[in-house]
N, C-alpha and C. Protein backbone atom coordinates (compact mmCIF):
# COMPACT_ATOMS: atom_id res chain seq x y z
N MET A 1 14.54 -30.73 -6.44
CA MET A 1 13.96 -29.74 -7.34
C MET A 1 14.03 -28.38 -6.69
N LYS A 2 14.46 -27.39 -7.44
CA LYS A 2 14.54 -26.03 -6.94
C LYS A 2 13.25 -25.31 -7.24
N ILE A 3 12.66 -24.66 -6.21
CA ILE A 3 11.43 -23.91 -6.39
C ILE A 3 11.75 -22.44 -6.26
N THR A 4 11.34 -21.64 -7.24
CA THR A 4 11.51 -20.20 -7.16
C THR A 4 10.34 -19.59 -6.41
N LEU A 5 10.61 -18.84 -5.36
CA LEU A 5 9.56 -18.27 -4.53
C LEU A 5 9.13 -16.93 -5.10
N ASN A 6 7.81 -16.73 -5.20
CA ASN A 6 7.28 -15.50 -5.77
C ASN A 6 6.23 -14.84 -4.89
N ALA A 7 6.19 -15.19 -3.61
CA ALA A 7 5.22 -14.57 -2.71
C ALA A 7 5.71 -14.68 -1.29
N VAL A 8 5.15 -13.85 -0.42
CA VAL A 8 5.48 -13.91 0.99
C VAL A 8 4.27 -14.44 1.74
N SER A 9 4.45 -15.51 2.50
CA SER A 9 3.36 -16.17 3.20
C SER A 9 3.14 -15.59 4.58
N ARG A 10 1.89 -15.57 5.00
CA ARG A 10 1.54 -15.11 6.33
C ARG A 10 2.25 -15.93 7.39
N ARG A 11 2.36 -17.23 7.15
CA ARG A 11 2.92 -18.13 8.16
C ARG A 11 4.44 -18.17 8.15
N GLN A 12 5.05 -17.66 7.09
CA GLN A 12 6.49 -17.83 6.94
C GLN A 12 7.20 -16.53 6.60
N PHE A 13 6.76 -15.42 7.19
CA PHE A 13 7.37 -14.13 6.91
C PHE A 13 8.87 -14.14 7.19
N ALA A 14 9.28 -14.76 8.28
CA ALA A 14 10.67 -14.69 8.71
C ALA A 14 11.61 -15.24 7.66
N LEU A 15 11.12 -16.22 6.87
CA LEU A 15 11.95 -16.84 5.83
C LEU A 15 11.63 -16.30 4.44
N ALA A 16 10.70 -15.32 4.39
CA ALA A 16 10.29 -14.71 3.11
C ALA A 16 9.79 -15.75 2.13
N LEU A 17 9.03 -16.74 2.63
CA LEU A 17 8.43 -17.76 1.78
C LEU A 17 6.99 -17.40 1.50
N GLY A 18 6.45 -17.95 0.40
CA GLY A 18 5.08 -17.61 0.11
C GLY A 18 4.30 -18.66 -0.66
N LEU A 19 4.75 -19.91 -0.70
CA LEU A 19 4.01 -20.92 -1.44
C LEU A 19 3.03 -21.62 -0.51
N GLY A 20 1.75 -21.29 -0.66
CA GLY A 20 0.72 -21.96 0.10
C GLY A 20 0.52 -23.36 -0.42
N PRO A 21 -0.42 -24.12 0.16
CA PRO A 21 -0.64 -25.52 -0.24
C PRO A 21 -0.93 -25.68 -1.72
N ILE A 22 -1.77 -24.78 -2.28
CA ILE A 22 -2.10 -24.90 -3.71
C ILE A 22 -0.86 -24.66 -4.56
N ALA A 23 -0.09 -23.62 -4.21
CA ALA A 23 1.09 -23.29 -5.00
C ALA A 23 2.16 -24.35 -4.87
N LEU A 24 2.33 -24.91 -3.69
CA LEU A 24 3.31 -25.98 -3.50
C LEU A 24 2.95 -27.20 -4.34
N LYS A 25 1.67 -27.51 -4.37
CA LYS A 25 1.22 -28.64 -5.19
C LYS A 25 1.49 -28.38 -6.66
N ALA A 26 1.22 -27.17 -7.10
CA ALA A 26 1.46 -26.83 -8.50
C ALA A 26 2.94 -26.90 -8.84
N ALA A 27 3.78 -26.36 -7.94
CA ALA A 27 5.22 -26.38 -8.19
C ALA A 27 5.75 -27.79 -8.24
N ALA A 28 5.22 -28.65 -7.38
CA ALA A 28 5.71 -30.03 -7.31
C ALA A 28 5.24 -30.86 -8.48
N GLN A 29 3.99 -30.62 -8.95
CA GLN A 29 3.41 -31.48 -9.96
C GLN A 29 3.40 -30.85 -11.35
N GLY A 30 3.72 -29.55 -11.42
CA GLY A 30 3.75 -28.90 -12.72
C GLY A 30 2.39 -28.78 -13.37
N GLY A 31 1.33 -28.64 -12.56
CA GLY A 31 -0.02 -28.61 -13.09
C GLY A 31 -0.41 -27.27 -13.66
N THR A 32 -1.53 -27.27 -14.38
CA THR A 32 -2.09 -26.04 -14.92
C THR A 32 -3.58 -26.03 -14.64
N GLY A 33 -4.18 -24.85 -14.81
CA GLY A 33 -5.61 -24.74 -14.64
C GLY A 33 -6.02 -24.56 -13.18
N GLU A 34 -7.30 -24.84 -12.91
CA GLU A 34 -7.83 -24.62 -11.57
C GLU A 34 -7.17 -25.53 -10.55
N GLY A 35 -6.85 -24.95 -9.39
CA GLY A 35 -6.15 -25.68 -8.35
C GLY A 35 -4.65 -25.58 -8.47
N PHE A 36 -4.17 -25.07 -9.60
CA PHE A 36 -2.75 -24.90 -9.83
C PHE A 36 -2.43 -23.44 -10.15
N GLU A 37 -2.94 -22.93 -11.26
CA GLU A 37 -2.68 -21.55 -11.66
C GLU A 37 -3.68 -20.56 -11.07
N PHE A 38 -4.82 -21.06 -10.66
CA PHE A 38 -5.80 -20.23 -9.97
C PHE A 38 -6.66 -21.12 -9.09
N LYS A 39 -7.42 -20.49 -8.21
CA LYS A 39 -8.26 -21.23 -7.28
C LYS A 39 -9.60 -20.53 -7.14
N SER A 40 -10.69 -21.30 -7.11
CA SER A 40 -12.00 -20.73 -6.87
C SER A 40 -12.17 -20.41 -5.39
N VAL A 41 -12.89 -19.34 -5.11
CA VAL A 41 -13.15 -18.92 -3.73
C VAL A 41 -14.57 -19.37 -3.37
N LYS A 42 -14.67 -20.24 -2.39
CA LYS A 42 -15.96 -20.78 -1.96
C LYS A 42 -16.05 -20.76 -0.43
N PRO A 43 -17.07 -20.07 0.12
CA PRO A 43 -18.07 -19.26 -0.59
C PRO A 43 -17.44 -18.00 -1.17
N ALA A 44 -18.11 -17.41 -2.12
CA ALA A 44 -17.57 -16.21 -2.78
C ALA A 44 -17.38 -15.08 -1.78
N ALA A 45 -16.33 -14.30 -1.97
CA ALA A 45 -16.06 -13.15 -1.12
C ALA A 45 -16.91 -11.96 -1.57
N PRO A 46 -17.17 -11.02 -0.67
CA PRO A 46 -17.96 -9.84 -1.06
C PRO A 46 -17.18 -8.95 -2.02
N VAL A 47 -17.90 -8.23 -2.87
CA VAL A 47 -17.29 -7.28 -3.80
C VAL A 47 -17.84 -5.89 -3.52
N ASP A 48 -17.09 -4.89 -3.97
CA ASP A 48 -17.46 -3.50 -3.69
C ASP A 48 -17.53 -2.71 -4.99
N THR A 49 -18.24 -3.28 -5.96
CA THR A 49 -18.39 -2.61 -7.25
C THR A 49 -19.85 -2.68 -7.68
N PRO A 50 -20.31 -1.72 -8.46
CA PRO A 50 -21.70 -1.74 -8.94
C PRO A 50 -21.91 -2.83 -9.98
N ALA A 51 -23.16 -3.10 -10.26
CA ALA A 51 -23.51 -4.11 -11.28
C ALA A 51 -22.87 -3.74 -12.61
N GLY A 52 -22.38 -4.75 -13.30
CA GLY A 52 -21.75 -4.52 -14.59
C GLY A 52 -20.27 -4.26 -14.52
N LYS A 53 -19.72 -4.15 -13.30
CA LYS A 53 -18.29 -3.93 -13.13
C LYS A 53 -17.66 -5.18 -12.51
N ILE A 54 -16.40 -5.44 -12.87
CA ILE A 54 -15.67 -6.60 -12.35
C ILE A 54 -14.52 -6.10 -11.49
N GLU A 55 -14.51 -6.51 -10.25
CA GLU A 55 -13.50 -6.05 -9.30
C GLU A 55 -12.27 -6.95 -9.31
N VAL A 56 -11.10 -6.31 -9.39
CA VAL A 56 -9.83 -7.02 -9.25
C VAL A 56 -9.08 -6.37 -8.10
N ILE A 57 -8.60 -7.19 -7.17
CA ILE A 57 -7.89 -6.70 -5.99
C ILE A 57 -6.49 -7.30 -5.94
N GLU A 58 -5.52 -6.47 -5.65
CA GLU A 58 -4.19 -6.98 -5.30
C GLU A 58 -4.04 -6.90 -3.79
N PHE A 59 -3.95 -8.05 -3.14
CA PHE A 59 -3.62 -8.09 -1.73
C PHE A 59 -2.10 -8.04 -1.62
N PHE A 60 -1.59 -7.11 -0.81
CA PHE A 60 -0.15 -6.91 -0.76
C PHE A 60 0.29 -6.44 0.62
N TRP A 61 1.60 -6.36 0.79
CA TRP A 61 2.21 -5.82 2.00
C TRP A 61 3.41 -4.97 1.56
N TYR A 62 3.51 -3.76 2.10
CA TYR A 62 4.61 -2.89 1.71
C TYR A 62 5.98 -3.56 1.92
N GLY A 63 6.11 -4.37 2.95
CA GLY A 63 7.40 -4.98 3.25
C GLY A 63 7.72 -6.22 2.43
N CYS A 64 6.80 -6.66 1.58
CA CYS A 64 6.99 -7.88 0.79
C CYS A 64 7.86 -7.59 -0.43
N PRO A 65 9.01 -8.25 -0.58
CA PRO A 65 9.88 -8.00 -1.73
C PRO A 65 9.23 -8.39 -3.05
N HIS A 66 8.36 -9.38 -3.02
CA HIS A 66 7.71 -9.82 -4.25
C HIS A 66 6.61 -8.86 -4.67
N CYS A 67 5.96 -8.23 -3.70
CA CYS A 67 4.99 -7.17 -4.01
C CYS A 67 5.72 -5.98 -4.63
N PHE A 68 6.89 -5.67 -4.11
CA PHE A 68 7.72 -4.59 -4.65
C PHE A 68 8.12 -4.90 -6.08
N ALA A 69 8.50 -6.15 -6.34
CA ALA A 69 8.90 -6.56 -7.69
C ALA A 69 7.72 -6.53 -8.66
N LEU A 70 6.53 -6.82 -8.17
CA LEU A 70 5.34 -6.83 -9.03
C LEU A 70 4.86 -5.43 -9.36
N GLU A 71 5.18 -4.45 -8.54
CA GLU A 71 4.60 -3.12 -8.65
C GLU A 71 4.72 -2.49 -10.05
N PRO A 72 5.89 -2.49 -10.68
CA PRO A 72 5.95 -1.87 -12.02
C PRO A 72 5.04 -2.54 -13.04
N ALA A 73 4.99 -3.88 -13.00
CA ALA A 73 4.16 -4.61 -13.96
C ALA A 73 2.68 -4.36 -13.72
N ILE A 74 2.29 -4.34 -12.46
CA ILE A 74 0.86 -4.18 -12.19
C ILE A 74 0.41 -2.75 -12.47
N LYS A 75 1.32 -1.77 -12.32
CA LYS A 75 0.97 -0.39 -12.67
C LYS A 75 0.75 -0.27 -14.18
N ASP A 76 1.62 -0.90 -14.97
CA ASP A 76 1.45 -0.87 -16.42
C ASP A 76 0.15 -1.59 -16.83
N TRP A 77 -0.10 -2.72 -16.18
CA TRP A 77 -1.32 -3.49 -16.47
C TRP A 77 -2.57 -2.66 -16.16
N ALA A 78 -2.55 -1.96 -15.03
CA ALA A 78 -3.72 -1.19 -14.59
C ALA A 78 -4.02 -0.02 -15.51
N LYS A 79 -3.01 0.46 -16.23
CA LYS A 79 -3.23 1.59 -17.15
C LYS A 79 -4.05 1.19 -18.38
N GLN A 80 -4.16 -0.11 -18.62
CA GLN A 80 -4.83 -0.58 -19.83
C GLN A 80 -6.10 -1.37 -19.53
N LEU A 81 -6.71 -1.12 -18.39
CA LEU A 81 -7.88 -1.88 -17.99
C LEU A 81 -9.09 -1.56 -18.87
N PRO A 82 -9.88 -2.58 -19.20
CA PRO A 82 -11.15 -2.32 -19.90
C PRO A 82 -12.07 -1.50 -19.00
N ALA A 83 -13.08 -0.88 -19.62
CA ALA A 83 -13.97 0.01 -18.87
C ALA A 83 -14.77 -0.71 -17.80
N ASP A 84 -14.97 -2.02 -17.94
CA ASP A 84 -15.80 -2.74 -16.97
C ASP A 84 -14.99 -3.36 -15.82
N VAL A 85 -13.69 -3.07 -15.75
CA VAL A 85 -12.84 -3.62 -14.68
C VAL A 85 -12.42 -2.52 -13.73
N VAL A 86 -12.60 -2.77 -12.44
CA VAL A 86 -12.21 -1.83 -11.39
C VAL A 86 -11.10 -2.49 -10.55
N PHE A 87 -9.95 -1.83 -10.51
CA PHE A 87 -8.80 -2.38 -9.78
C PHE A 87 -8.53 -1.58 -8.51
N ARG A 88 -8.22 -2.29 -7.43
CA ARG A 88 -7.79 -1.62 -6.21
C ARG A 88 -6.81 -2.50 -5.46
N LYS A 89 -6.03 -1.86 -4.59
CA LYS A 89 -5.06 -2.56 -3.76
C LYS A 89 -5.61 -2.64 -2.33
N VAL A 90 -5.36 -3.76 -1.68
CA VAL A 90 -5.75 -3.93 -0.28
C VAL A 90 -4.54 -4.44 0.49
N HIS A 91 -4.15 -3.69 1.50
CA HIS A 91 -2.98 -4.05 2.31
C HIS A 91 -3.40 -5.03 3.40
N VAL A 92 -2.70 -6.17 3.48
CA VAL A 92 -3.02 -7.16 4.51
C VAL A 92 -2.50 -6.70 5.88
N PRO A 93 -3.02 -7.28 6.97
CA PRO A 93 -2.65 -6.81 8.31
C PRO A 93 -1.46 -7.51 8.92
N TRP A 94 -0.79 -8.36 8.19
CA TRP A 94 0.22 -9.22 8.78
C TRP A 94 1.52 -8.49 9.11
N GLN A 95 2.28 -9.13 9.95
CA GLN A 95 3.66 -8.74 10.27
C GLN A 95 3.77 -7.32 10.82
N VAL A 96 4.01 -6.34 9.99
CA VAL A 96 4.12 -4.95 10.45
C VAL A 96 2.76 -4.29 10.22
N GLN A 97 1.89 -4.34 11.22
CA GLN A 97 0.54 -3.83 11.04
C GLN A 97 0.54 -2.33 10.77
N ALA A 98 1.59 -1.64 11.24
CA ALA A 98 1.69 -0.20 10.98
C ALA A 98 1.74 0.09 9.49
N HIS A 99 2.25 -0.84 8.68
CA HIS A 99 2.28 -0.63 7.23
C HIS A 99 0.87 -0.61 6.66
N GLN A 100 -0.01 -1.47 7.17
CA GLN A 100 -1.40 -1.45 6.73
C GLN A 100 -2.04 -0.11 7.10
N GLN A 101 -1.74 0.36 8.29
CA GLN A 101 -2.29 1.64 8.74
C GLN A 101 -1.76 2.79 7.89
N LEU A 102 -0.50 2.70 7.49
CA LEU A 102 0.09 3.69 6.60
C LEU A 102 -0.64 3.72 5.26
N PHE A 103 -0.87 2.54 4.68
CA PHE A 103 -1.52 2.48 3.38
C PHE A 103 -2.90 3.13 3.42
N PHE A 104 -3.70 2.79 4.42
CA PHE A 104 -5.06 3.32 4.47
C PHE A 104 -5.08 4.79 4.88
N THR A 105 -4.03 5.25 5.53
CA THR A 105 -3.89 6.68 5.76
C THR A 105 -3.67 7.41 4.44
N LEU A 106 -2.74 6.88 3.64
CA LEU A 106 -2.49 7.49 2.32
C LEU A 106 -3.73 7.42 1.44
N GLU A 107 -4.46 6.32 1.51
CA GLU A 107 -5.67 6.20 0.72
C GLU A 107 -6.70 7.25 1.15
N THR A 108 -6.85 7.43 2.45
CA THR A 108 -7.79 8.43 2.96
C THR A 108 -7.39 9.83 2.52
N LEU A 109 -6.10 10.09 2.46
CA LEU A 109 -5.60 11.40 2.04
C LEU A 109 -5.56 11.56 0.52
N GLY A 110 -5.90 10.49 -0.21
CA GLY A 110 -5.87 10.54 -1.66
C GLY A 110 -4.46 10.57 -2.23
N GLN A 111 -3.51 9.91 -1.51
CA GLN A 111 -2.10 10.01 -1.89
C GLN A 111 -1.46 8.67 -2.26
N THR A 112 -2.25 7.61 -2.37
CA THR A 112 -1.63 6.31 -2.63
C THR A 112 -0.93 6.27 -3.99
N ASP A 113 -1.60 6.76 -5.04
CA ASP A 113 -0.98 6.72 -6.38
C ASP A 113 0.30 7.53 -6.41
N ALA A 114 0.31 8.65 -5.71
CA ALA A 114 1.48 9.53 -5.74
C ALA A 114 2.63 9.03 -4.89
N LEU A 115 2.32 8.31 -3.79
CA LEU A 115 3.36 8.03 -2.80
C LEU A 115 3.66 6.56 -2.55
N ASN A 116 2.91 5.65 -3.15
CA ASN A 116 3.20 4.22 -2.95
C ASN A 116 4.64 3.89 -3.34
N ASP A 117 5.09 4.42 -4.47
CA ASP A 117 6.45 4.12 -4.92
C ASP A 117 7.49 4.59 -3.91
N LYS A 118 7.26 5.74 -3.31
CA LYS A 118 8.22 6.28 -2.33
C LYS A 118 8.26 5.41 -1.08
N VAL A 119 7.10 4.90 -0.68
CA VAL A 119 7.07 4.01 0.49
C VAL A 119 7.80 2.71 0.18
N PHE A 120 7.50 2.10 -0.95
CA PHE A 120 8.19 0.86 -1.35
C PHE A 120 9.70 1.09 -1.42
N ALA A 121 10.11 2.18 -2.05
CA ALA A 121 11.54 2.45 -2.21
C ALA A 121 12.22 2.67 -0.86
N ALA A 122 11.56 3.37 0.04
CA ALA A 122 12.15 3.61 1.36
C ALA A 122 12.41 2.30 2.09
N ILE A 123 11.46 1.37 1.98
CA ILE A 123 11.58 0.10 2.69
C ILE A 123 12.60 -0.82 2.01
N HIS A 124 12.52 -0.94 0.70
CA HIS A 124 13.32 -1.96 0.00
C HIS A 124 14.65 -1.45 -0.53
N ASN A 125 14.73 -0.19 -0.87
CA ASN A 125 15.99 0.36 -1.37
C ASN A 125 16.80 1.03 -0.26
N ASP A 126 16.10 1.78 0.58
CA ASP A 126 16.79 2.54 1.63
C ASP A 126 16.85 1.79 2.95
N ARG A 127 16.20 0.62 3.02
CA ARG A 127 16.21 -0.22 4.22
C ARG A 127 15.63 0.48 5.44
N SER A 128 14.65 1.32 5.21
CA SER A 128 13.95 1.97 6.32
C SER A 128 12.79 1.08 6.76
N LYS A 129 12.65 0.86 8.05
CA LYS A 129 11.58 -0.01 8.55
C LYS A 129 10.21 0.65 8.41
N LEU A 130 10.15 1.96 8.50
CA LEU A 130 8.88 2.69 8.46
C LEU A 130 7.83 2.03 9.35
N ASP A 131 8.21 1.76 10.58
CA ASP A 131 7.31 1.05 11.49
C ASP A 131 6.75 1.94 12.59
N THR A 132 6.97 3.25 12.49
CA THR A 132 6.38 4.19 13.43
C THR A 132 5.77 5.35 12.65
N PRO A 133 4.70 5.96 13.16
CA PRO A 133 4.11 7.09 12.44
C PRO A 133 5.07 8.26 12.30
N GLU A 134 6.00 8.42 13.25
CA GLU A 134 6.98 9.50 13.16
C GLU A 134 7.91 9.30 11.97
N ALA A 135 8.38 8.07 11.80
CA ALA A 135 9.25 7.78 10.66
C ALA A 135 8.51 7.96 9.34
N MET A 136 7.25 7.56 9.32
CA MET A 136 6.43 7.74 8.13
C MET A 136 6.25 9.22 7.81
N ALA A 137 5.93 10.01 8.84
CA ALA A 137 5.72 11.45 8.65
C ALA A 137 6.99 12.13 8.15
N ASP A 138 8.15 11.68 8.65
CA ASP A 138 9.42 12.25 8.19
C ASP A 138 9.59 12.02 6.69
N LEU A 139 9.29 10.80 6.24
CA LEU A 139 9.43 10.47 4.83
C LEU A 139 8.44 11.26 3.98
N LEU A 140 7.19 11.27 4.39
CA LEU A 140 6.15 11.87 3.57
C LEU A 140 6.23 13.39 3.55
N ALA A 141 6.78 13.98 4.61
CA ALA A 141 6.94 15.44 4.64
C ALA A 141 7.83 15.91 3.50
N LYS A 142 8.77 15.06 3.06
CA LYS A 142 9.65 15.41 1.96
C LYS A 142 8.87 15.54 0.65
N SER A 143 7.68 14.94 0.62
CA SER A 143 6.82 15.01 -0.57
C SER A 143 5.67 15.98 -0.37
N GLY A 144 5.76 16.79 0.66
CA GLY A 144 4.77 17.84 0.86
C GLY A 144 3.56 17.47 1.70
N VAL A 145 3.58 16.29 2.31
CA VAL A 145 2.45 15.89 3.16
C VAL A 145 2.58 16.56 4.52
N ASP A 146 1.53 17.21 4.96
CA ASP A 146 1.54 17.89 6.24
C ASP A 146 1.64 16.88 7.38
N ARG A 147 2.60 17.07 8.27
CA ARG A 147 2.86 16.10 9.33
C ARG A 147 1.65 15.93 10.25
N LYS A 148 1.07 17.03 10.68
CA LYS A 148 -0.05 16.95 11.61
C LYS A 148 -1.25 16.28 10.96
N GLN A 149 -1.51 16.64 9.71
CA GLN A 149 -2.63 16.02 9.00
C GLN A 149 -2.41 14.52 8.86
N PHE A 150 -1.16 14.14 8.56
CA PHE A 150 -0.86 12.72 8.44
C PHE A 150 -1.09 12.00 9.76
N ILE A 151 -0.53 12.50 10.85
CA ILE A 151 -0.65 11.84 12.15
C ILE A 151 -2.11 11.76 12.58
N ASP A 152 -2.84 12.85 12.40
CA ASP A 152 -4.26 12.86 12.79
C ASP A 152 -5.05 11.82 11.99
N THR A 153 -4.76 11.75 10.69
CA THR A 153 -5.46 10.78 9.85
C THR A 153 -5.05 9.35 10.20
N TYR A 154 -3.77 9.16 10.45
CA TYR A 154 -3.23 7.85 10.82
C TYR A 154 -3.95 7.30 12.04
N ASN A 155 -4.26 8.16 12.98
CA ASN A 155 -4.89 7.74 14.24
C ASN A 155 -6.41 7.83 14.21
N SER A 156 -6.98 8.08 13.04
CA SER A 156 -8.42 8.32 12.95
C SER A 156 -9.24 7.04 12.97
N PHE A 157 -10.49 7.21 13.36
CA PHE A 157 -11.44 6.10 13.37
C PHE A 157 -11.67 5.58 11.95
N GLY A 158 -11.70 6.49 10.98
CA GLY A 158 -11.93 6.08 9.60
C GLY A 158 -10.86 5.13 9.09
N VAL A 159 -9.60 5.40 9.41
CA VAL A 159 -8.51 4.52 8.98
C VAL A 159 -8.61 3.18 9.68
N ARG A 160 -8.90 3.18 10.96
CA ARG A 160 -9.04 1.91 11.69
C ARG A 160 -10.18 1.08 11.12
N THR A 161 -11.25 1.75 10.69
CA THR A 161 -12.37 1.03 10.09
C THR A 161 -11.96 0.39 8.76
N LYS A 162 -11.20 1.13 7.96
CA LYS A 162 -10.70 0.57 6.69
C LYS A 162 -9.80 -0.64 6.93
N MET A 163 -8.97 -0.56 7.96
CA MET A 163 -8.10 -1.68 8.29
C MET A 163 -8.91 -2.92 8.66
N GLN A 164 -9.93 -2.70 9.46
CA GLN A 164 -10.77 -3.82 9.88
C GLN A 164 -11.47 -4.46 8.68
N ARG A 165 -11.99 -3.65 7.79
CA ARG A 165 -12.67 -4.18 6.61
C ARG A 165 -11.70 -4.92 5.70
N ALA A 166 -10.49 -4.40 5.57
CA ALA A 166 -9.47 -5.06 4.74
C ALA A 166 -9.10 -6.41 5.32
N SER A 167 -8.98 -6.48 6.62
CA SER A 167 -8.64 -7.74 7.28
C SER A 167 -9.76 -8.76 7.10
N GLN A 168 -11.00 -8.30 7.19
CA GLN A 168 -12.15 -9.19 6.98
C GLN A 168 -12.19 -9.69 5.54
N LEU A 169 -11.85 -8.81 4.59
CA LEU A 169 -11.86 -9.21 3.19
C LEU A 169 -10.76 -10.23 2.90
N ALA A 170 -9.58 -10.01 3.46
CA ALA A 170 -8.49 -10.98 3.28
C ALA A 170 -8.89 -12.34 3.85
N ALA A 171 -9.60 -12.34 4.97
CA ALA A 171 -10.07 -13.60 5.55
C ALA A 171 -11.12 -14.25 4.67
N ALA A 172 -12.01 -13.45 4.07
CA ALA A 172 -13.05 -14.00 3.20
C ALA A 172 -12.44 -14.67 1.97
N TYR A 173 -11.36 -14.10 1.46
CA TYR A 173 -10.66 -14.69 0.31
C TYR A 173 -9.69 -15.80 0.74
N LYS A 174 -9.53 -15.99 2.05
CA LYS A 174 -8.59 -16.99 2.58
C LYS A 174 -7.17 -16.72 2.09
N ILE A 175 -6.77 -15.46 2.12
CA ILE A 175 -5.44 -15.08 1.66
C ILE A 175 -4.39 -15.60 2.63
N ASP A 176 -3.41 -16.37 2.13
CA ASP A 176 -2.33 -16.86 3.00
C ASP A 176 -0.96 -16.51 2.45
N GLY A 177 -0.90 -15.66 1.44
CA GLY A 177 0.37 -15.21 0.90
C GLY A 177 0.17 -13.97 0.05
N VAL A 178 1.21 -13.20 -0.10
CA VAL A 178 1.13 -11.99 -0.95
C VAL A 178 2.36 -11.94 -1.86
N PRO A 179 2.23 -11.34 -3.05
CA PRO A 179 1.00 -10.77 -3.60
C PRO A 179 0.03 -11.84 -4.07
N THR A 180 -1.27 -11.58 -3.84
CA THR A 180 -2.33 -12.42 -4.37
C THR A 180 -3.31 -11.53 -5.10
N LEU A 181 -3.78 -11.98 -6.24
CA LEU A 181 -4.71 -11.22 -7.08
C LEU A 181 -6.07 -11.89 -7.04
N ALA A 182 -7.09 -11.13 -6.70
CA ALA A 182 -8.44 -11.66 -6.54
C ALA A 182 -9.35 -11.07 -7.60
N VAL A 183 -10.25 -11.89 -8.11
CA VAL A 183 -11.13 -11.47 -9.20
C VAL A 183 -12.59 -11.72 -8.84
N ALA A 184 -13.36 -10.64 -8.73
CA ALA A 184 -14.82 -10.68 -8.63
C ALA A 184 -15.35 -11.50 -7.45
N GLY A 185 -14.56 -11.65 -6.41
CA GLY A 185 -14.99 -12.44 -5.27
C GLY A 185 -14.98 -13.93 -5.52
N LYS A 186 -14.58 -14.34 -6.74
CA LYS A 186 -14.72 -15.74 -7.15
C LYS A 186 -13.41 -16.50 -7.28
N TYR A 187 -12.33 -15.78 -7.61
CA TYR A 187 -11.08 -16.47 -7.93
C TYR A 187 -9.88 -15.75 -7.31
N ILE A 188 -8.82 -16.50 -7.06
CA ILE A 188 -7.54 -15.92 -6.71
C ILE A 188 -6.45 -16.57 -7.55
N THR A 189 -5.42 -15.79 -7.83
CA THR A 189 -4.23 -16.29 -8.50
C THR A 189 -3.04 -15.50 -7.96
N SER A 190 -1.84 -15.89 -8.34
CA SER A 190 -0.65 -15.21 -7.82
C SER A 190 0.56 -15.62 -8.65
N PRO A 191 1.64 -14.85 -8.56
CA PRO A 191 2.87 -15.25 -9.25
C PRO A 191 3.38 -16.61 -8.76
N SER A 192 3.18 -16.92 -7.49
CA SER A 192 3.67 -18.21 -6.99
C SER A 192 2.88 -19.38 -7.57
N MET A 193 1.63 -19.12 -7.99
CA MET A 193 0.81 -20.17 -8.59
C MET A 193 1.08 -20.30 -10.09
N THR A 194 1.31 -19.17 -10.76
CA THR A 194 1.47 -19.21 -12.21
C THR A 194 2.93 -19.31 -12.64
N GLY A 195 3.86 -18.92 -11.75
CA GLY A 195 5.28 -19.04 -12.07
C GLY A 195 5.98 -17.73 -12.37
N SER A 196 5.21 -16.66 -12.61
CA SER A 196 5.85 -15.37 -12.89
C SER A 196 4.83 -14.24 -12.73
N ASN A 197 5.32 -13.02 -12.63
CA ASN A 197 4.43 -11.87 -12.53
C ASN A 197 3.58 -11.70 -13.79
N GLY A 198 4.23 -11.82 -14.94
CA GLY A 198 3.51 -11.67 -16.20
C GLY A 198 2.43 -12.71 -16.38
N ALA A 199 2.74 -13.95 -16.02
CA ALA A 199 1.75 -15.02 -16.15
C ALA A 199 0.57 -14.81 -15.21
N ALA A 200 0.85 -14.27 -14.02
CA ALA A 200 -0.23 -14.01 -13.06
C ALA A 200 -1.19 -12.95 -13.61
N LEU A 201 -0.66 -11.90 -14.22
CA LEU A 201 -1.52 -10.85 -14.76
C LEU A 201 -2.30 -11.36 -15.97
N LYS A 202 -1.69 -12.23 -16.76
CA LYS A 202 -2.43 -12.83 -17.87
C LYS A 202 -3.56 -13.72 -17.35
N MET A 203 -3.30 -14.42 -16.24
CA MET A 203 -4.33 -15.24 -15.65
C MET A 203 -5.48 -14.38 -15.12
N VAL A 204 -5.15 -13.22 -14.56
CA VAL A 204 -6.20 -12.30 -14.13
C VAL A 204 -7.08 -11.92 -15.32
N ASP A 205 -6.46 -11.60 -16.44
CA ASP A 205 -7.23 -11.24 -17.64
C ASP A 205 -8.14 -12.40 -18.07
N THR A 206 -7.62 -13.61 -17.97
CA THR A 206 -8.41 -14.79 -18.33
C THR A 206 -9.60 -14.96 -17.39
N LEU A 207 -9.36 -14.75 -16.10
CA LEU A 207 -10.44 -14.90 -15.12
C LEU A 207 -11.47 -13.79 -15.26
N VAL A 208 -11.01 -12.58 -15.57
CA VAL A 208 -11.95 -11.48 -15.82
C VAL A 208 -12.86 -11.84 -17.00
N ASP A 209 -12.29 -12.40 -18.05
CA ASP A 209 -13.07 -12.79 -19.21
C ASP A 209 -14.06 -13.90 -18.86
N ARG A 210 -13.64 -14.79 -17.98
CA ARG A 210 -14.54 -15.85 -17.54
C ARG A 210 -15.74 -15.27 -16.79
N VAL A 211 -15.46 -14.31 -15.90
CA VAL A 211 -16.55 -13.66 -15.16
C VAL A 211 -17.45 -12.90 -16.13
N ARG A 212 -16.83 -12.22 -17.09
CA ARG A 212 -17.59 -11.44 -18.07
C ARG A 212 -18.58 -12.33 -18.84
N LYS A 213 -18.17 -13.56 -19.07
CA LYS A 213 -19.01 -14.50 -19.82
C LYS A 213 -19.96 -15.29 -18.92
N GLY A 214 -19.95 -14.94 -17.63
CA GLY A 214 -20.88 -15.59 -16.71
C GLY A 214 -20.32 -16.76 -15.95
N GLY A 215 -18.98 -16.92 -16.01
CA GLY A 215 -18.35 -18.05 -15.33
C GLY A 215 -18.11 -17.78 -13.87
């Protein structure tokens, strides 16, 4: 049986694989529902939203080809979010840790929405490793980012703190592959579990509705 891979696993970066135990079971058995298309998180992971809001997180890695492929769909999906849903991206610490540091530097500078696409394109289209702050600064300077401000922020305590919190959150959700979509601290799903990017986003909507109804 041929399995189509739709995620990059922490344990198997070198081979660009991403089917964790739950996803492998689903692919092998063709199952649906909990344990196949989504998984409950026990104990529940912490959330960072006020009462009445439902948090959705995309755990990703800039170097992940499947995260790159998901990006256009998830951007379109995020434009149509209901008022009670709060979406954010969290970069995992695996493999090229400098990429996580880059993401939280851009977030601190308020530049993630403007520059995420350029970072993804540099890595996946232009084959740039972007594994040093100098290479990152060279790229971002073309978009008007001040080099010194970038380097200072990259090396700041605030960015290191964000990285630490992101790593703790990924551990709380037991993330073992990316992209993974997390809902309200209670559920995770992914393209590798549902079979496609579109199906994963529909599953997120289903899980959001479940949380909204008290599930």
